[in-house]
Amino acid sequence: MTPYKRKEVIGDCTIYLGDCLEILPTLEKVDAVITDPPYGEKTHSGARTDNGETKLIEFSSIDDSTFQRFCRMAVDLARRWVVMTCEWRHASKAEESGLPVIRLGVWVKPNGMPQMTGDRPATGWEAVLIMHREGKKKWNGGGHPAVWTVNKENGEHPTTKPQGLIRKWLNQFTDQGETILDPFMGSGTTGVACANLGRKFIGIEIEPKYFDIACERITNAYRQERLFA
């Protein structure tokens, strides 16, 4: 019995509908992992729309032990880099848990949501956890700091990451023709960027609604002329 409910192959992209924790052990090694796992329950419950009344995130949060388990699986699968936006509380515990943390970076959001209560500063950034298995490391970013300033974008997924951010990571942490894995694919932003930049892609998404959106977005990306880096 397969660990996934559905599998689609679109160009150089293979995407799975199912739980990544069940699917990851069945995959062969990839070159890099670029992803955005769920955040903790405190962050999920506090995320609200502009009126401050409606919950923004309905899908499940992730606890400390599950996050660390996932990170170890990702590092084991990746020949090179594992790069992810993540809950800052998870990132702060990553190194002490024994994960091979190389750098803790920051995604700065100039147009981030203001603090609706007005009684404290808004956040305006997200943690970027950068890991690499033991061994030689190489990236294409030269002396670029682990700080990326990119406006957030609204999409059909409540925590959509901007194409500009993902494209920067693909150009800096991976090379053309490599295979990139996103175990929390969402609406397929990483897959679209891979299609545009000449990377192979493996994506996993547990929610059928977002899996279908990802299929459509990646299909449309392949219909357009590739813009190789």
N, C-alpha and C. Protein backbone atom coordinates (compact mmCIF):
# COMPACT_ATOMS: atom_id res chain seq x y z
N MET A 1 0.85 -1.20 0.00
CA MET A 1 0.00 0.00 0.00
C MET A 1 0.89 1.25 0.00
N THR A 2 0.62 2.18 -0.89
CA THR A 2 1.41 3.40 -0.98
C THR A 2 1.10 4.33 0.19
N PRO A 3 2.08 5.13 0.63
CA PRO A 3 1.84 6.04 1.76
C PRO A 3 1.14 7.33 1.34
N TYR A 4 0.82 7.47 0.05
CA TYR A 4 0.17 8.69 -0.42
C TYR A 4 -1.19 8.36 -1.03
N LYS A 5 -2.05 9.36 -1.07
CA LYS A 5 -3.40 9.18 -1.60
C LYS A 5 -3.47 9.46 -3.11
N ARG A 6 -2.51 10.23 -3.59
CA ARG A 6 -2.52 10.61 -5.00
C ARG A 6 -1.12 11.06 -5.39
N LYS A 7 -0.78 10.82 -6.64
CA LYS A 7 0.51 11.23 -7.17
C LYS A 7 0.32 11.83 -8.55
N GLU A 8 0.95 12.97 -8.80
CA GLU A 8 0.87 13.63 -10.11
C GLU A 8 2.29 13.95 -10.58
N VAL A 9 2.53 13.74 -11.86
CA VAL A 9 3.81 14.11 -12.47
C VAL A 9 3.52 15.18 -13.51
N ILE A 10 4.11 16.36 -13.32
CA ILE A 10 3.90 17.50 -14.21
C ILE A 10 5.28 18.01 -14.62
N GLY A 11 5.67 17.79 -15.86
CA GLY A 11 7.01 18.18 -16.28
C GLY A 11 8.05 17.48 -15.42
N ASP A 12 8.96 18.26 -14.84
CA ASP A 12 9.99 17.72 -13.95
C ASP A 12 9.54 17.73 -12.49
N CYS A 13 8.25 17.89 -12.25
CA CYS A 13 7.72 17.95 -10.89
C CYS A 13 6.92 16.68 -10.59
N THR A 14 7.18 16.09 -9.43
CA THR A 14 6.39 14.96 -8.93
C THR A 14 5.81 15.38 -7.59
N ILE A 15 4.50 15.35 -7.48
CA ILE A 15 3.87 15.83 -6.25
C ILE A 15 2.93 14.77 -5.68
N TYR A 16 2.91 14.72 -4.35
CA TYR A 16 2.18 13.69 -3.63
C TYR A 16 1.14 14.34 -2.71
N LEU A 17 -0.03 13.73 -2.65
CA LEU A 17 -1.05 14.11 -1.67
C LEU A 17 -0.94 13.13 -0.51
N GLY A 18 -0.60 13.64 0.67
CA GLY A 18 -0.48 12.78 1.83
C GLY A 18 0.34 13.43 2.92
N ASP A 19 0.61 12.67 3.96
CA ASP A 19 1.37 13.13 5.13
C ASP A 19 2.86 12.96 4.85
N CYS A 20 3.61 14.05 4.91
CA CYS A 20 5.03 13.98 4.56
C CYS A 20 5.81 13.07 5.50
N LEU A 21 5.40 12.97 6.75
CA LEU A 21 6.11 12.12 7.69
C LEU A 21 6.00 10.64 7.31
N GLU A 22 4.97 10.30 6.57
CA GLU A 22 4.81 8.93 6.08
C GLU A 22 5.48 8.73 4.72
N ILE A 23 5.52 9.80 3.91
CA ILE A 23 6.06 9.69 2.56
C ILE A 23 7.58 9.84 2.52
N LEU A 24 8.14 10.71 3.35
CA LEU A 24 9.58 11.00 3.30
C LEU A 24 10.46 9.74 3.39
N PRO A 25 10.14 8.76 4.26
CA PRO A 25 11.00 7.58 4.34
C PRO A 25 11.03 6.76 3.06
N THR A 26 10.11 6.98 2.14
CA THR A 26 10.06 6.20 0.89
C THR A 26 10.80 6.88 -0.25
N LEU A 27 11.26 8.12 -0.05
CA LEU A 27 11.89 8.88 -1.13
C LEU A 27 13.39 8.62 -1.20
N GLU A 28 13.93 8.75 -2.41
CA GLU A 28 15.38 8.73 -2.59
C GLU A 28 15.95 10.11 -2.25
N LYS A 29 17.25 10.20 -2.14
CA LYS A 29 17.88 11.46 -1.76
C LYS A 29 17.61 12.54 -2.79
N VAL A 30 17.55 13.79 -2.29
CA VAL A 30 17.37 14.97 -3.14
C VAL A 30 18.58 15.87 -2.93
N ASP A 31 18.68 16.92 -3.74
CA ASP A 31 19.82 17.83 -3.58
C ASP A 31 19.59 18.84 -2.46
N ALA A 32 18.37 19.34 -2.31
CA ALA A 32 18.10 20.34 -1.28
C ALA A 32 16.63 20.27 -0.87
N VAL A 33 16.36 20.76 0.32
CA VAL A 33 15.00 20.90 0.83
C VAL A 33 14.74 22.37 1.08
N ILE A 34 13.69 22.89 0.47
CA ILE A 34 13.26 24.27 0.70
C ILE A 34 11.78 24.21 1.05
N THR A 35 11.42 24.67 2.24
CA THR A 35 10.05 24.43 2.69
C THR A 35 9.61 25.43 3.76
N ASP A 36 8.38 25.28 4.18
CA ASP A 36 7.75 26.17 5.17
C ASP A 36 6.81 25.33 6.02
N PRO A 37 7.34 24.62 7.04
CA PRO A 37 6.49 23.77 7.86
C PRO A 37 5.51 24.58 8.69
N PRO A 38 4.45 23.94 9.19
CA PRO A 38 3.53 24.65 10.07
C PRO A 38 4.25 25.21 11.29
N TYR A 39 3.66 26.23 11.88
CA TYR A 39 4.25 26.83 13.08
C TYR A 39 3.57 26.24 14.31
N GLY A 40 3.96 26.72 15.49
CA GLY A 40 3.40 26.20 16.73
C GLY A 40 1.98 26.67 16.96
N GLU A 41 1.31 26.03 17.91
CA GLU A 41 -0.09 26.32 18.18
C GLU A 41 -0.31 27.77 18.62
N LYS A 42 0.62 28.32 19.39
CA LYS A 42 0.47 29.70 19.86
C LYS A 42 0.44 30.66 18.68
N THR A 43 1.32 30.45 17.71
CA THR A 43 1.35 31.31 16.53
C THR A 43 0.11 31.10 15.67
N HIS A 44 -0.28 29.86 15.46
CA HIS A 44 -1.47 29.57 14.65
C HIS A 44 -2.73 30.20 15.25
N SER A 45 -2.90 30.06 16.55
CA SER A 45 -4.11 30.59 17.18
C SER A 45 -4.13 32.10 17.20
N GLY A 46 -2.93 32.73 17.19
CA GLY A 46 -2.86 34.19 17.22
C GLY A 46 -2.92 34.85 15.86
N ALA A 47 -2.80 34.04 14.78
CA ALA A 47 -2.83 34.61 13.43
C ALA A 47 -4.26 34.95 13.04
N ARG A 48 -4.52 36.22 12.77
CA ARG A 48 -5.87 36.69 12.47
C ARG A 48 -5.87 37.51 11.19
N THR A 49 -7.03 37.62 10.56
CA THR A 49 -7.17 38.48 9.39
C THR A 49 -7.15 39.93 9.84
N ASP A 50 -7.23 40.85 8.87
CA ASP A 50 -7.06 42.28 9.17
C ASP A 50 -8.03 42.81 10.21
N ASN A 51 -9.23 42.20 10.32
CA ASN A 51 -10.18 42.69 11.33
C ASN A 51 -9.86 42.19 12.73
N GLY A 52 -8.89 41.27 12.83
CA GLY A 52 -8.47 40.77 14.13
C GLY A 52 -9.40 39.77 14.75
N GLU A 53 -10.47 39.39 14.06
CA GLU A 53 -11.47 38.51 14.64
C GLU A 53 -11.49 37.11 14.03
N THR A 54 -11.13 36.97 12.76
CA THR A 54 -11.22 35.69 12.08
C THR A 54 -9.86 35.01 12.05
N LYS A 55 -9.82 33.72 12.42
CA LYS A 55 -8.57 32.98 12.38
C LYS A 55 -8.06 32.88 10.95
N LEU A 56 -6.77 33.11 10.77
CA LEU A 56 -6.18 33.07 9.45
C LEU A 56 -5.77 31.65 9.06
N ILE A 57 -5.34 30.85 10.05
CA ILE A 57 -4.79 29.52 9.78
C ILE A 57 -5.69 28.45 10.38
N GLU A 58 -6.19 27.56 9.52
CA GLU A 58 -7.08 26.50 9.97
C GLU A 58 -6.39 25.14 10.04
N PHE A 59 -5.27 24.97 9.32
CA PHE A 59 -4.62 23.66 9.32
C PHE A 59 -3.82 23.45 10.61
N SER A 60 -3.42 22.21 10.86
CA SER A 60 -2.82 21.82 12.13
C SER A 60 -1.45 22.46 12.35
N SER A 61 -1.16 22.75 13.60
CA SER A 61 0.16 23.26 13.99
C SER A 61 1.11 22.07 14.17
N ILE A 62 2.36 22.36 14.52
CA ILE A 62 3.35 21.31 14.72
C ILE A 62 4.04 21.54 16.06
N ASP A 63 4.23 20.47 16.82
CA ASP A 63 4.86 20.63 18.14
C ASP A 63 6.38 20.46 18.03
N ASP A 64 7.08 20.71 19.12
CA ASP A 64 8.55 20.72 19.11
C ASP A 64 9.13 19.38 18.65
N SER A 65 8.63 18.29 19.23
CA SER A 65 9.22 16.98 18.93
C SER A 65 8.97 16.59 17.48
N THR A 66 7.79 16.89 16.95
CA THR A 66 7.49 16.57 15.55
C THR A 66 8.32 17.42 14.62
N PHE A 67 8.51 18.69 14.96
CA PHE A 67 9.33 19.58 14.14
C PHE A 67 10.76 19.05 14.07
N GLN A 68 11.32 18.67 15.20
CA GLN A 68 12.70 18.18 15.23
C GLN A 68 12.82 16.85 14.49
N ARG A 69 11.80 16.00 14.60
CA ARG A 69 11.80 14.74 13.85
C ARG A 69 11.80 15.03 12.36
N PHE A 70 10.97 15.96 11.93
CA PHE A 70 10.92 16.31 10.51
C PHE A 70 12.27 16.85 10.04
N CYS A 71 12.89 17.73 10.82
CA CYS A 71 14.17 18.31 10.43
C CYS A 71 15.24 17.24 10.24
N ARG A 72 15.27 16.25 11.11
CA ARG A 72 16.25 15.18 10.97
C ARG A 72 16.01 14.38 9.70
N MET A 73 14.75 14.14 9.38
CA MET A 73 14.42 13.43 8.15
C MET A 73 14.85 14.25 6.93
N ALA A 74 14.63 15.55 6.98
CA ALA A 74 15.00 16.43 5.86
C ALA A 74 16.51 16.45 5.66
N VAL A 75 17.26 16.58 6.75
CA VAL A 75 18.72 16.61 6.65
C VAL A 75 19.24 15.28 6.10
N ASP A 76 18.65 14.17 6.53
CA ASP A 76 19.07 12.86 6.04
C ASP A 76 18.83 12.71 4.54
N LEU A 77 17.77 13.32 4.04
CA LEU A 77 17.41 13.20 2.63
C LEU A 77 18.23 14.13 1.73
N ALA A 78 18.65 15.27 2.25
CA ALA A 78 19.29 16.30 1.42
C ALA A 78 20.79 16.09 1.30
N ARG A 79 21.29 16.10 0.08
CA ARG A 79 22.73 16.05 -0.15
C ARG A 79 23.37 17.38 0.23
N ARG A 80 22.60 18.45 0.10
CA ARG A 80 23.13 19.78 0.35
C ARG A 80 22.28 20.48 1.42
N TRP A 81 21.70 21.60 1.08
CA TRP A 81 21.09 22.50 2.05
C TRP A 81 19.65 22.12 2.40
N VAL A 82 19.29 22.44 3.64
CA VAL A 82 17.90 22.43 4.10
C VAL A 82 17.60 23.86 4.57
N VAL A 83 16.67 24.52 3.88
CA VAL A 83 16.35 25.93 4.16
C VAL A 83 14.85 26.04 4.40
N MET A 84 14.46 26.66 5.51
CA MET A 84 13.03 26.76 5.78
C MET A 84 12.70 28.00 6.62
N THR A 85 11.58 28.61 6.31
CA THR A 85 10.97 29.54 7.24
C THR A 85 10.31 28.68 8.31
N CYS A 86 10.39 29.12 9.56
CA CYS A 86 9.81 28.30 10.63
C CYS A 86 9.49 29.16 11.84
N GLU A 87 8.75 28.58 12.73
CA GLU A 87 8.43 29.21 14.01
C GLU A 87 9.72 29.58 14.74
N TRP A 88 9.85 30.82 15.18
CA TRP A 88 11.11 31.23 15.81
C TRP A 88 11.39 30.43 17.07
N ARG A 89 10.34 29.99 17.75
CA ARG A 89 10.54 29.17 18.95
C ARG A 89 11.17 27.83 18.58
N HIS A 90 10.75 27.26 17.45
CA HIS A 90 11.36 26.02 16.98
C HIS A 90 12.81 26.26 16.57
N ALA A 91 13.05 27.36 15.86
CA ALA A 91 14.40 27.67 15.40
C ALA A 91 15.35 27.85 16.58
N SER A 92 14.87 28.47 17.64
CA SER A 92 15.73 28.76 18.79
C SER A 92 16.18 27.48 19.50
N LYS A 93 15.43 26.40 19.35
CA LYS A 93 15.77 25.14 20.01
C LYS A 93 16.47 24.16 19.08
N ALA A 94 16.62 24.53 17.81
CA ALA A 94 17.12 23.58 16.82
C ALA A 94 18.54 23.12 17.13
N GLU A 95 19.44 24.06 17.41
CA GLU A 95 20.84 23.69 17.61
C GLU A 95 21.02 22.88 18.89
N GLU A 96 20.33 23.27 19.94
CA GLU A 96 20.49 22.55 21.20
C GLU A 96 19.91 21.15 21.14
N SER A 97 19.04 20.91 20.15
CA SER A 97 18.48 19.56 19.98
C SER A 97 19.39 18.66 19.17
N GLY A 98 20.53 19.20 18.69
CA GLY A 98 21.49 18.41 17.96
C GLY A 98 21.37 18.50 16.45
N LEU A 99 20.49 19.35 15.94
CA LEU A 99 20.36 19.53 14.50
C LEU A 99 21.56 20.29 13.95
N PRO A 100 21.99 19.98 12.72
CA PRO A 100 23.20 20.62 12.16
C PRO A 100 22.92 22.01 11.61
N VAL A 101 22.68 22.95 12.51
CA VAL A 101 22.35 24.33 12.13
C VAL A 101 23.62 25.05 11.67
N ILE A 102 23.56 25.63 10.48
CA ILE A 102 24.68 26.40 9.95
C ILE A 102 24.48 27.89 10.21
N ARG A 103 23.25 28.35 10.05
CA ARG A 103 22.94 29.76 10.25
C ARG A 103 21.46 29.91 10.56
N LEU A 104 21.14 30.87 11.40
CA LEU A 104 19.76 31.27 11.61
C LEU A 104 19.57 32.62 10.92
N GLY A 105 18.76 32.64 9.87
CA GLY A 105 18.55 33.85 9.10
C GLY A 105 17.20 34.48 9.38
N VAL A 106 16.91 35.54 8.62
CA VAL A 106 15.68 36.30 8.82
C VAL A 106 15.09 36.68 7.47
N TRP A 107 13.78 36.48 7.33
CA TRP A 107 13.03 37.05 6.21
C TRP A 107 12.32 38.29 6.74
N VAL A 108 12.73 39.46 6.26
CA VAL A 108 12.13 40.73 6.67
C VAL A 108 10.99 41.07 5.73
N LYS A 109 9.83 41.41 6.30
CA LYS A 109 8.63 41.70 5.51
C LYS A 109 8.25 43.18 5.66
N PRO A 110 8.69 44.03 4.73
CA PRO A 110 8.40 45.47 4.86
C PRO A 110 6.90 45.77 4.92
N ASN A 111 6.08 44.95 4.27
CA ASN A 111 4.64 45.18 4.25
C ASN A 111 3.91 44.19 5.15
N GLY A 112 4.59 43.73 6.20
CA GLY A 112 3.97 42.79 7.13
C GLY A 112 2.76 43.39 7.83
N MET A 113 1.93 42.51 8.36
CA MET A 113 0.70 42.95 9.02
C MET A 113 1.02 43.76 10.28
N PRO A 114 0.33 44.89 10.48
CA PRO A 114 0.55 45.68 11.70
C PRO A 114 0.01 44.96 12.93
N GLN A 115 0.44 45.38 14.09
CA GLN A 115 -0.09 44.82 15.33
C GLN A 115 -1.47 45.39 15.57
N MET A 116 -2.50 44.53 15.44
CA MET A 116 -3.88 45.01 15.48
C MET A 116 -4.26 45.59 16.84
N THR A 117 -3.67 45.08 17.93
CA THR A 117 -4.03 45.61 19.26
C THR A 117 -3.43 46.99 19.49
N GLY A 118 -2.32 47.29 18.82
CA GLY A 118 -1.69 48.59 18.99
C GLY A 118 -0.96 48.77 20.30
N ASP A 119 -0.85 47.68 21.09
CA ASP A 119 -0.21 47.82 22.41
C ASP A 119 1.22 47.29 22.44
N ARG A 120 1.76 46.88 21.26
CA ARG A 120 3.14 46.36 21.18
C ARG A 120 3.59 46.41 19.74
N PRO A 121 4.90 46.29 19.46
CA PRO A 121 5.36 46.30 18.08
C PRO A 121 4.88 45.07 17.32
N ALA A 122 4.65 45.24 16.03
CA ALA A 122 4.36 44.09 15.17
C ALA A 122 5.65 43.30 14.95
N THR A 123 5.52 42.09 14.46
CA THR A 123 6.69 41.23 14.27
C THR A 123 7.50 41.65 13.06
N GLY A 124 6.94 41.56 11.86
CA GLY A 124 7.60 42.06 10.67
C GLY A 124 8.72 41.19 10.12
N TRP A 125 8.89 39.97 10.64
CA TRP A 125 9.96 39.09 10.15
C TRP A 125 9.58 37.65 10.46
N GLU A 126 10.28 36.73 9.80
CA GLU A 126 10.15 35.31 10.12
C GLU A 126 11.54 34.69 10.16
N ALA A 127 11.69 33.70 11.02
CA ALA A 127 12.98 33.01 11.14
C ALA A 127 13.23 32.14 9.91
N VAL A 128 14.49 32.05 9.51
CA VAL A 128 14.92 31.17 8.42
C VAL A 128 15.98 30.24 8.98
N LEU A 129 15.64 28.97 9.09
CA LEU A 129 16.55 27.96 9.63
C LEU A 129 17.33 27.34 8.46
N ILE A 130 18.66 27.38 8.54
CA ILE A 130 19.53 26.89 7.47
C ILE A 130 20.40 25.78 8.03
N MET A 131 20.25 24.57 7.47
CA MET A 131 20.98 23.40 7.95
C MET A 131 21.71 22.72 6.80
N HIS A 132 22.70 21.91 7.16
CA HIS A 132 23.47 21.17 6.16
C HIS A 132 24.11 19.98 6.86
N ARG A 133 24.03 18.82 6.22
CA ARG A 133 24.68 17.65 6.79
C ARG A 133 26.18 17.88 6.88
N GLU A 134 26.87 17.07 7.66
CA GLU A 134 28.31 17.21 7.83
C GLU A 134 29.02 17.03 6.49
N GLY A 135 29.98 17.88 6.21
CA GLY A 135 30.72 17.80 4.96
C GLY A 135 30.86 19.14 4.29
N LYS A 136 31.43 19.13 3.08
CA LYS A 136 31.70 20.36 2.36
C LYS A 136 30.41 21.09 2.01
N LYS A 137 30.46 22.41 2.12
CA LYS A 137 29.30 23.25 1.84
C LYS A 137 29.64 24.23 0.72
N LYS A 138 28.65 24.48 -0.13
CA LYS A 138 28.84 25.44 -1.22
C LYS A 138 27.51 26.14 -1.48
N TRP A 139 27.58 27.45 -1.68
CA TRP A 139 26.37 28.16 -2.11
C TRP A 139 26.78 29.23 -3.10
N ASN A 140 25.79 29.83 -3.75
CA ASN A 140 26.05 30.80 -4.81
C ASN A 140 25.84 32.24 -4.35
N GLY A 141 25.74 32.44 -3.05
CA GLY A 141 25.41 33.76 -2.54
C GLY A 141 26.59 34.65 -2.19
N GLY A 142 27.81 34.14 -2.34
CA GLY A 142 28.97 34.96 -2.01
C GLY A 142 28.91 35.45 -0.57
N GLY A 143 29.06 36.75 -0.38
CA GLY A 143 29.04 37.33 0.96
C GLY A 143 27.68 37.79 1.43
N HIS A 144 26.63 37.41 0.72
CA HIS A 144 25.26 37.83 1.10
C HIS A 144 24.94 37.37 2.51
N PRO A 145 24.42 38.26 3.35
CA PRO A 145 24.04 37.85 4.71
C PRO A 145 22.78 36.99 4.68
N ALA A 146 22.50 36.31 5.78
CA ALA A 146 21.30 35.49 5.89
C ALA A 146 20.10 36.34 6.25
N VAL A 147 19.94 37.42 5.50
CA VAL A 147 18.80 38.34 5.68
C VAL A 147 18.21 38.60 4.30
N TRP A 148 16.91 38.33 4.16
CA TRP A 148 16.24 38.53 2.88
C TRP A 148 15.04 39.46 3.11
N THR A 149 15.06 40.59 2.42
CA THR A 149 13.98 41.57 2.55
C THR A 149 13.11 41.50 1.31
N VAL A 150 11.93 40.94 1.48
CA VAL A 150 11.01 40.70 0.37
C VAL A 150 9.58 40.93 0.88
N ASN A 151 8.80 41.69 0.14
CA ASN A 151 7.41 41.91 0.52
C ASN A 151 6.64 40.59 0.54
N LYS A 152 5.78 40.44 1.52
CA LYS A 152 4.92 39.26 1.54
C LYS A 152 3.87 39.38 0.45
N GLU A 153 3.34 38.25 0.01
CA GLU A 153 2.32 38.21 -1.04
C GLU A 153 1.11 37.45 -0.53
N ASN A 154 -0.06 37.87 -0.97
CA ASN A 154 -1.28 37.16 -0.64
C ASN A 154 -1.59 36.16 -1.74
N GLY A 155 -1.95 34.96 -1.36
CA GLY A 155 -2.28 33.92 -2.32
C GLY A 155 -3.47 33.11 -1.85
N GLU A 156 -3.66 31.96 -2.47
CA GLU A 156 -4.81 31.12 -2.11
C GLU A 156 -4.53 30.26 -0.88
N HIS A 157 -3.30 30.27 -0.41
CA HIS A 157 -2.93 29.60 0.84
C HIS A 157 -2.67 30.69 1.88
N PRO A 158 -3.12 30.49 3.13
CA PRO A 158 -2.99 31.58 4.13
C PRO A 158 -1.56 31.95 4.49
N THR A 159 -0.60 31.05 4.26
CA THR A 159 0.80 31.38 4.60
C THR A 159 1.70 31.31 3.37
N THR A 160 1.18 31.76 2.24
CA THR A 160 1.95 31.75 0.99
C THR A 160 3.26 32.52 1.15
N LYS A 161 4.35 31.92 0.70
CA LYS A 161 5.64 32.61 0.68
C LYS A 161 5.83 33.24 -0.70
N PRO A 162 6.43 34.44 -0.77
CA PRO A 162 6.56 35.14 -2.04
C PRO A 162 7.49 34.43 -3.02
N GLN A 163 7.13 34.47 -4.29
CA GLN A 163 7.97 33.88 -5.33
C GLN A 163 9.38 34.47 -5.28
N GLY A 164 9.47 35.77 -5.02
CA GLY A 164 10.77 36.42 -5.00
C GLY A 164 11.70 35.82 -3.96
N LEU A 165 11.17 35.46 -2.80
CA LEU A 165 11.98 34.86 -1.74
C LEU A 165 12.45 33.47 -2.14
N ILE A 166 11.53 32.66 -2.65
CA ILE A 166 11.88 31.28 -3.03
C ILE A 166 12.87 31.28 -4.18
N ARG A 167 12.70 32.17 -5.13
CA ARG A 167 13.64 32.24 -6.25
C ARG A 167 15.05 32.63 -5.78
N LYS A 168 15.13 33.54 -4.81
CA LYS A 168 16.43 33.91 -4.26
C LYS A 168 17.10 32.68 -3.64
N TRP A 169 16.34 31.91 -2.87
CA TRP A 169 16.91 30.73 -2.23
C TRP A 169 17.33 29.69 -3.25
N LEU A 170 16.53 29.49 -4.28
CA LEU A 170 16.89 28.52 -5.30
C LEU A 170 18.19 28.94 -6.00
N ASN A 171 18.31 30.20 -6.32
CA ASN A 171 19.53 30.69 -6.99
C ASN A 171 20.75 30.63 -6.09
N GLN A 172 20.56 30.85 -4.79
CA GLN A 172 21.70 30.92 -3.88
C GLN A 172 22.10 29.55 -3.32
N PHE A 173 21.13 28.68 -3.06
CA PHE A 173 21.43 27.42 -2.39
C PHE A 173 21.41 26.20 -3.31
N THR A 174 20.97 26.35 -4.56
CA THR A 174 20.88 25.21 -5.46
C THR A 174 21.42 25.58 -6.84
N ASP A 175 21.59 24.58 -7.68
CA ASP A 175 22.05 24.78 -9.04
C ASP A 175 21.04 24.21 -10.03
N GLN A 176 21.07 24.71 -11.25
CA GLN A 176 20.15 24.28 -12.28
C GLN A 176 20.26 22.77 -12.49
N GLY A 177 19.12 22.12 -12.64
CA GLY A 177 19.07 20.68 -12.87
C GLY A 177 18.99 19.85 -11.61
N GLU A 178 19.18 20.47 -10.43
CA GLU A 178 19.11 19.73 -9.18
C GLU A 178 17.66 19.45 -8.79
N THR A 179 17.48 18.52 -7.86
CA THR A 179 16.15 18.13 -7.39
C THR A 179 15.88 18.76 -6.04
N ILE A 180 14.79 19.49 -5.95
CA ILE A 180 14.42 20.22 -4.73
C ILE A 180 13.16 19.60 -4.14
N LEU A 181 13.15 19.41 -2.85
CA LEU A 181 12.01 18.82 -2.14
C LEU A 181 11.34 19.85 -1.25
N ASP A 182 10.01 19.93 -1.32
CA ASP A 182 9.22 20.74 -0.40
C ASP A 182 8.18 19.83 0.26
N PRO A 183 8.43 19.36 1.48
CA PRO A 183 7.51 18.43 2.14
C PRO A 183 6.21 19.08 2.63
N PHE A 184 6.17 20.40 2.71
CA PHE A 184 4.95 21.14 3.07
C PHE A 184 4.65 22.09 1.92
N MET A 185 4.21 21.54 0.80
CA MET A 185 4.14 22.25 -0.47
C MET A 185 3.11 23.37 -0.49
N GLY A 186 2.04 23.24 0.29
CA GLY A 186 0.99 24.26 0.24
C GLY A 186 0.41 24.39 -1.15
N SER A 187 0.34 25.61 -1.64
CA SER A 187 -0.24 25.86 -2.96
C SER A 187 0.79 25.79 -4.09
N GLY A 188 2.00 25.30 -3.78
CA GLY A 188 2.95 24.98 -4.84
C GLY A 188 3.91 26.08 -5.25
N THR A 189 4.16 27.06 -4.40
CA THR A 189 5.04 28.17 -4.76
C THR A 189 6.45 27.69 -5.11
N THR A 190 7.00 26.78 -4.31
CA THR A 190 8.35 26.28 -4.60
C THR A 190 8.37 25.51 -5.91
N GLY A 191 7.31 24.75 -6.18
CA GLY A 191 7.23 24.02 -7.44
C GLY A 191 7.18 24.93 -8.65
N VAL A 192 6.45 26.02 -8.55
CA VAL A 192 6.38 27.00 -9.64
C VAL A 192 7.75 27.61 -9.88
N ALA A 193 8.43 27.98 -8.79
CA ALA A 193 9.77 28.58 -8.93
C ALA A 193 10.75 27.58 -9.54
N CYS A 194 10.65 26.31 -9.16
CA CYS A 194 11.53 25.29 -9.74
C CYS A 194 11.26 25.13 -11.23
N ALA A 195 10.00 25.13 -11.63
CA ALA A 195 9.66 25.02 -13.05
C ALA A 195 10.24 26.19 -13.84
N ASN A 196 10.21 27.37 -13.26
CA ASN A 196 10.71 28.57 -13.94
C ASN A 196 12.23 28.62 -14.00
N LEU A 197 12.89 28.00 -13.01
CA LEU A 197 14.34 28.14 -12.89
C LEU A 197 15.10 26.86 -13.26
N GLY A 198 14.42 25.90 -13.85
CA GLY A 198 15.11 24.72 -14.33
C GLY A 198 15.56 23.75 -13.26
N ARG A 199 14.81 23.64 -12.17
CA ARG A 199 15.07 22.65 -11.14
C ARG A 199 13.99 21.56 -11.20
N LYS A 200 14.36 20.35 -10.86
CA LYS A 200 13.39 19.29 -10.67
C LYS A 200 12.76 19.47 -9.30
N PHE A 201 11.53 18.98 -9.13
CA PHE A 201 10.80 19.29 -7.90
C PHE A 201 10.03 18.08 -7.42
N ILE A 202 10.07 17.87 -6.10
CA ILE A 202 9.21 16.90 -5.44
C ILE A 202 8.46 17.65 -4.35
N GLY A 203 7.14 17.56 -4.38
CA GLY A 203 6.33 18.26 -3.39
C GLY A 203 5.36 17.32 -2.70
N ILE A 204 5.08 17.62 -1.43
CA ILE A 204 4.12 16.84 -0.65
C ILE A 204 3.17 17.80 0.03
N GLU A 205 1.87 17.51 -0.05
CA GLU A 205 0.86 18.35 0.60
C GLU A 205 -0.24 17.46 1.15
N ILE A 206 -0.64 17.72 2.38
CA ILE A 206 -1.62 16.87 3.05
C ILE A 206 -3.07 17.31 2.79
N GLU A 207 -3.26 18.59 2.43
CA GLU A 207 -4.62 19.10 2.24
C GLU A 207 -5.02 19.01 0.77
N PRO A 208 -6.08 18.26 0.43
CA PRO A 208 -6.49 18.11 -0.99
C PRO A 208 -6.76 19.44 -1.69
N LYS A 209 -7.32 20.40 -0.96
CA LYS A 209 -7.64 21.70 -1.55
C LYS A 209 -6.38 22.38 -2.09
N TYR A 210 -5.33 22.40 -1.29
CA TYR A 210 -4.10 23.08 -1.70
C TYR A 210 -3.31 22.22 -2.69
N PHE A 211 -3.43 20.91 -2.60
CA PHE A 211 -2.79 20.03 -3.58
C PHE A 211 -3.33 20.33 -4.98
N ASP A 212 -4.65 20.49 -5.09
CA ASP A 212 -5.26 20.78 -6.40
C ASP A 212 -4.80 22.14 -6.92
N ILE A 213 -4.69 23.13 -6.03
CA ILE A 213 -4.22 24.45 -6.44
C ILE A 213 -2.78 24.36 -6.93
N ALA A 214 -1.95 23.58 -6.22
CA ALA A 214 -0.55 23.41 -6.62
C ALA A 214 -0.45 22.76 -8.00
N CYS A 215 -1.25 21.75 -8.24
CA CYS A 215 -1.27 21.09 -9.56
C CYS A 215 -1.55 22.11 -10.66
N GLU A 216 -2.53 22.94 -10.44
CA GLU A 216 -2.91 23.93 -11.45
C GLU A 216 -1.81 24.97 -11.65
N ARG A 217 -1.23 25.46 -10.57
CA ARG A 217 -0.19 26.48 -10.68
C ARG A 217 1.06 25.95 -11.37
N ILE A 218 1.46 24.74 -11.02
CA ILE A 218 2.66 24.16 -11.64
C ILE A 218 2.41 23.85 -13.11
N THR A 219 1.22 23.36 -13.43
CA THR A 219 0.86 23.12 -14.84
C THR A 219 0.94 24.40 -15.64
N ASN A 220 0.40 25.47 -15.09
CA ASN A 220 0.43 26.77 -15.78
C ASN A 220 1.86 27.27 -15.94
N ALA A 221 2.72 27.00 -14.94
CA ALA A 221 4.12 27.43 -15.04
C ALA A 221 4.82 26.75 -16.20
N TYR A 222 4.51 25.49 -16.44
CA TYR A 222 5.14 24.77 -17.54
C TYR A 222 4.59 25.18 -18.90
N ARG A 223 3.42 25.79 -18.89
CA ARG A 223 2.85 26.26 -20.15
C ARG A 223 3.54 27.53 -20.62
N GLN A 224 4.17 28.23 -19.69
CA GLN A 224 4.86 29.46 -20.03
C GLN A 224 6.33 29.16 -20.34
N GLU A 225 6.95 30.05 -21.03
CA GLU A 225 8.36 29.88 -21.35
C GLU A 225 9.19 29.91 -20.09
N ARG A 226 10.10 28.95 -19.94
CA ARG A 226 10.97 28.92 -18.76
C ARG A 226 11.93 30.11 -18.77
N LEU A 227 12.09 30.67 -17.60
CA LEU A 227 13.03 31.78 -17.43
C LEU A 227 14.19 31.27 -16.59
N PHE A 228 15.19 30.72 -17.24
CA PHE A 228 16.30 30.13 -16.52
C PHE A 228 17.15 31.22 -15.86
N ALA A 229 17.66 30.89 -14.72
CA ALA A 229 18.51 31.84 -14.00
C ALA A 229 19.80 32.06 -14.78
